[in-house]
């Protein structure tokens, strides 16, 4: 399955539905050591992107992802909203000039997105952030790039779930959560759960 504007619209609609379903769950997670807006910003951000894509006629995936990054950043004014926009811009750069992308190209683009987040946010896996689910997920996807999309995203989804779960043992070092220090140990990171939900939504779409 190749990625095009048409199925990208469907993918983001699936992600938006999952974020809306888990809005209150993410709010609850964020209230433990944040300001509680995570579920709101992710729900509104992905809904805005899904609505934008339904109207867009842009076929260049690179230009499309740059526009998506802008829409998301405006609609999800939060630290994770900004970080997500960084990732989307990394994806955009990798897909510039392409109207469709195969699984290998998608995996490479997602890796570029994660690298952009690490560069801009000055963060890395193991610091109790969204990277703890995104990084293992894109690695798993790259390893499965010769498989079909359903198999590859199933592996990525499972890796994201394991990565998110691993954040319980970590100490927060970034943002508001860092003020809680050792008290953050034992808590599941909300950002990492967003990464898990992202890949679960994509896998659910591919499995249909």
Protein backbone atom coordinates (compact mmCIF):
# COMPACT_ATOMS: atom_id res chain seq x y z
CA UNK A 1 0.00 0.00 0.00
CA UNK A 2 1.38 3.39 -1.01
CA UNK A 3 0.71 6.59 0.92
CA UNK A 4 -1.20 9.24 -1.05
CA UNK A 5 -3.21 12.33 -0.15
CA UNK A 6 -6.42 10.30 -0.27
CA UNK A 7 -5.43 7.61 2.22
CA UNK A 8 -3.48 10.12 4.34
CA UNK A 9 -6.83 11.83 4.89
CA UNK A 10 -8.30 8.54 6.07
CA UNK A 11 -5.31 7.85 8.34
CA UNK A 12 -5.62 11.21 10.09
CA UNK A 13 -9.38 10.75 10.44
CA UNK A 14 -8.65 7.44 12.20
CA UNK A 15 -6.07 9.10 14.46
CA UNK A 16 -8.49 11.93 15.26
CA UNK A 17 -11.19 9.44 16.26
CA UNK A 18 -8.82 7.61 18.60
CA UNK A 19 -7.60 10.85 20.21
CA UNK A 20 -11.18 11.99 20.74
CA UNK A 21 -12.08 8.64 22.30
CA UNK A 22 -9.14 8.94 24.72
CA UNK A 23 -9.48 12.67 25.40
CA UNK A 24 -10.51 12.28 29.06
CA UNK A 25 -7.96 9.50 29.63
CA UNK A 26 -5.13 11.76 28.44
CA UNK A 27 -6.42 14.66 30.52
CA UNK A 28 -6.32 12.41 33.58
CA UNK A 29 -2.78 11.27 32.87
CA UNK A 30 -1.60 14.82 32.36
CA UNK A 31 -3.19 16.02 35.59
CA UNK A 32 -0.84 13.75 37.54
CA UNK A 33 2.24 15.84 36.77
CA UNK A 34 1.24 18.40 34.14
CA UNK A 35 -1.39 21.05 33.54
CA UNK A 36 -4.10 18.68 32.32
CA UNK A 37 -4.50 20.03 28.79
CA UNK A 38 -2.96 17.09 26.92
CA UNK A 39 -6.22 15.40 25.94
CA UNK A 40 -7.75 18.69 24.85
CA UNK A 41 -4.82 19.77 22.68
CA UNK A 42 -4.38 16.37 21.02
CA UNK A 43 -8.09 15.99 20.34
CA UNK A 44 -8.39 19.47 18.87
CA UNK A 45 -5.09 19.29 16.97
CA UNK A 46 -5.79 16.03 15.17
CA UNK A 47 -9.40 16.98 14.50
CA UNK A 48 -8.24 20.21 12.84
CA UNK A 49 -5.77 18.28 10.68
CA UNK A 50 -8.41 15.73 9.67
CA UNK A 51 -10.79 18.52 8.67
CA UNK A 52 -8.06 20.36 6.79
CA UNK A 53 -7.13 17.27 4.77
CA UNK A 54 -10.74 16.75 3.69
CA UNK A 55 -10.58 20.17 2.00
CA UNK A 56 -7.01 20.11 0.65
CA UNK A 57 -6.23 19.34 -2.99
CA UNK A 58 -2.44 19.31 -2.49
CA UNK A 59 -0.86 16.10 -3.80
CA UNK A 60 2.78 16.79 -2.92
CA UNK A 61 3.16 14.91 0.38
CA UNK A 62 6.03 17.13 1.49
CA UNK A 63 4.00 20.31 1.05
CA UNK A 64 0.98 18.59 2.60
CA UNK A 65 2.87 17.64 5.76
CA UNK A 66 4.26 21.17 6.09
CA UNK A 67 0.71 22.50 5.95
CA UNK A 68 -0.40 19.84 8.44
CA UNK A 69 2.38 20.93 10.81
CA UNK A 70 1.14 24.51 10.66
CA UNK A 71 -2.50 23.54 11.22
CA UNK A 72 -1.57 21.30 14.14
CA UNK A 73 0.65 23.90 15.78
CA UNK A 74 -2.10 26.50 15.63
CA UNK A 75 -4.82 24.14 16.86
CA UNK A 76 -2.87 22.45 19.67
CA UNK A 77 -1.07 25.29 21.51
CA UNK A 78 0.89 23.19 23.99
CA UNK A 79 4.39 21.81 24.43
CA UNK A 80 3.45 18.50 22.81
CA UNK A 81 1.67 20.40 20.04
CA UNK A 82 4.92 22.17 19.20
CA UNK A 83 6.92 18.94 19.46
CA UNK A 84 4.45 17.16 17.18
CA UNK A 85 4.74 19.97 14.65
CA UNK A 86 8.52 19.52 14.66
CA UNK A 87 8.03 15.84 13.83
CA UNK A 88 5.58 16.63 11.05
CA UNK A 89 8.09 19.06 9.52
CA UNK A 90 10.74 16.35 9.58
CA UNK A 91 8.36 14.03 7.74
CA UNK A 92 7.62 16.82 5.24
CA UNK A 93 11.28 17.28 4.38
CA UNK A 94 11.70 13.55 3.73
CA UNK A 95 8.63 13.35 1.46
CA UNK A 96 9.22 16.57 -0.47
CA UNK A 97 8.25 16.23 -4.13
CA UNK A 98 6.50 12.86 -3.73
CA UNK A 99 2.82 12.34 -4.53
CA UNK A 100 2.97 8.80 -3.18
CA UNK A 101 5.33 6.90 -0.91
CA UNK A 102 5.86 3.19 -0.36
CA UNK A 103 6.26 1.63 3.07
CA UNK A 104 10.04 1.94 3.04
CA UNK A 105 9.77 5.66 2.22
CA UNK A 106 7.13 6.14 4.93
CA UNK A 107 9.38 4.42 7.48
CA UNK A 108 12.28 6.67 6.48
CA UNK A 109 10.06 9.76 6.72
CA UNK A 110 8.89 8.81 10.20
CA UNK A 111 12.49 8.30 11.27
CA UNK A 112 13.27 11.80 9.98
CA UNK A 113 10.36 13.11 12.02
CA UNK A 114 11.66 11.51 15.22
CA UNK A 115 15.17 12.81 14.55
CA UNK A 116 13.76 16.32 14.08
CA UNK A 117 11.99 16.08 17.44
CA UNK A 118 15.18 14.96 19.17
CA UNK A 119 17.14 17.80 17.56
CA UNK A 120 14.64 20.59 18.26
CA UNK A 121 13.43 19.43 21.69
CA UNK A 122 16.95 18.46 22.78
CA UNK A 123 15.59 15.17 24.05
CA UNK A 124 16.23 11.48 23.55
CA UNK A 125 14.58 8.15 24.41
CA UNK A 126 14.75 7.26 28.09
CA UNK A 127 13.69 10.70 29.34
CA UNK A 128 9.98 9.95 29.85
CA UNK A 129 8.57 11.67 26.75
CA UNK A 130 6.69 10.82 23.56
CA UNK A 131 10.03 9.67 22.12
CA UNK A 132 9.87 6.59 24.34
CA UNK A 133 7.00 5.26 22.23
CA UNK A 134 7.80 6.90 18.88
CA UNK A 135 11.44 5.85 18.67
CA UNK A 136 10.93 2.08 19.15
CA UNK A 137 7.87 2.20 16.90
CA UNK A 138 9.72 3.71 13.94
CA UNK A 139 12.60 1.30 14.48
CA UNK A 140 10.18 -1.63 14.36
CA UNK A 141 8.57 -0.18 11.24
CA UNK A 142 11.94 0.14 9.52
CA UNK A 143 12.75 -3.48 10.35
CA UNK A 144 9.43 -4.54 8.76
CA UNK A 145 9.65 -2.28 5.70
CA UNK A 146 9.67 -5.27 3.33
CA UNK A 147 6.42 -6.58 4.88
CA UNK A 148 2.87 -5.50 4.10
CA UNK A 149 1.56 -2.39 5.85
CA UNK A 150 -0.65 -4.28 8.31
CA UNK A 151 2.21 -6.50 9.51
CA UNK A 152 4.63 -3.58 9.72
CA UNK A 153 2.32 -1.28 11.66
CA UNK A 154 1.29 -4.10 13.97
CA UNK A 155 4.96 -4.48 14.94
CA UNK A 156 5.28 -0.70 15.30
CA UNK A 157 2.15 -0.53 17.44
CA UNK A 158 3.41 -3.27 19.76
CA UNK A 159 6.78 -1.52 20.08
CA UNK A 160 5.07 1.78 20.87
CA UNK A 161 2.97 0.09 23.58
CA UNK A 162 6.05 -1.46 25.20
CA UNK A 163 7.89 1.83 24.97
CA UNK A 164 5.05 3.76 26.61
CA UNK A 165 4.81 1.19 29.40
CA UNK A 166 8.54 1.54 30.07
CA UNK A 167 8.08 5.19 31.05
CA UNK A 168 6.63 4.11 34.40
CA UNK A 169 10.17 3.31 35.55
CA UNK A 170 11.58 6.64 34.35
CA UNK A 171 12.10 9.99 36.06
CA UNK A 172 10.80 13.07 34.23
CA UNK A 173 13.51 15.50 33.14
CA UNK A 174 11.59 17.82 30.79
CA UNK A 175 8.88 20.42 31.20
CA UNK A 176 6.48 20.85 34.10
CA UNK A 177 6.73 17.13 34.96
CA UNK A 178 10.43 17.57 35.82
CA UNK A 179 9.43 19.57 38.92
CA UNK A 180 7.99 16.37 40.39
CA UNK A 181 11.41 14.68 40.27
CA UNK A 182 11.35 11.20 41.81
CA UNK A 183 7.60 11.49 42.36
CA UNK A 184 7.18 11.03 38.61
CA UNK A 185 8.60 7.50 38.88
CA UNK A 186 5.77 4.96 38.69
CA UNK A 187 3.57 7.20 36.54
CA UNK A 188 2.83 6.52 32.89
CA UNK A 189 3.90 9.41 30.65
CA UNK A 190 1.02 11.03 28.82
CA UNK A 191 3.10 12.00 25.81
CA UNK A 192 4.32 8.44 25.39
CA UNK A 193 0.70 7.30 25.52
CA UNK A 194 -0.12 9.74 22.71
CA UNK A 195 2.61 8.05 20.65
CA UNK A 196 1.12 4.65 21.44
CA UNK A 197 -2.35 5.80 20.42
CA UNK A 198 -0.97 7.22 17.17
CA UNK A 199 0.48 3.90 16.07
CA UNK A 200 -2.51 1.93 17.31
CA UNK A 201 -4.78 4.12 15.19
CA UNK A 202 -2.62 3.63 12.10
CA UNK A 203 -2.50 -0.12 12.68
CA UNK A 204 -6.28 -0.26 13.09
CA UNK A 205 -6.65 1.62 9.81
CA UNK A 206 -4.25 -0.72 8.00
CA UNK A 207 -5.95 -3.82 9.41
CA UNK A 208 -9.26 -2.71 7.85
